[in-house]
Amino acid sequence: MTKKTYQIQIALRGSKPKIWRRILVPSDLLLSDFHKIIQTTMGWTNSHLHQFIKNRTFYTRIMADDDWGGEMDNVDYSKIKISDLLKKEKDIIIYEYDFGDGWEHDIILEKIESNGMNKNIPTCLTGKNNCPPEDCGGIWGYSEMLEILKHPDHAEYEEYIEWLGGEFDPKYFDKIEINEMLKTQDFGCFELF
């Protein structure tokens, strides 16, 4: 069976301007490893819980003492390949990161290449805009923060600059830096959650 390469777009829901990445990954990649690639390419720090969602089924890291209950179907994502959920071009799944801030990402299968694994993958092809800082309050908190940062005379401006540790460029995106991280780390980050 010929290995396939997926071209995927990751887009942060509700972001204006749109925060997105286009990546190449192997089709047989486990969701648990795909999570690490998303963290690296988007710029998150892997500090919070996360899950993939398709058709009201939740794919996540299952721990021995998990007792989710309720009406939700939870599946151990360490046993599921992305090709199990993304089967044809334009298929979409949702990746949710940080249940408190509720960062939802649309994961869109743009193209399937059956030329094997001759490309340096995983790799980031392109993208736009900086990832929001962790714990800034979700898309609404991020929008409010950006508005405040436009006005140095705003009462909360200095507080945000201190919290951020300096200036924040919402347009920043460095494909070379992202690809270096993908090459030098185990899919870009240490699995904390």
Foldseek 3Di string as FASTA:
>chain_A
DFKKKWWKKKWWPPDVVIWIFTWIATQQAFVVLVVLLCCLQQVHALPWFKWKDDPQETEGDDDPPDDPDDDGHYHDRRVDTNCVQDVDFQGWMWMFTHPQQTTIIIMGGHDMGRPHDPDPPGAIDDTWWHHAYPPQRHNVSSVVLVVLCVDCVDPCNVVSCVVVVHDDDGGDHDRVVSRVQCVPDSSRHDNPD
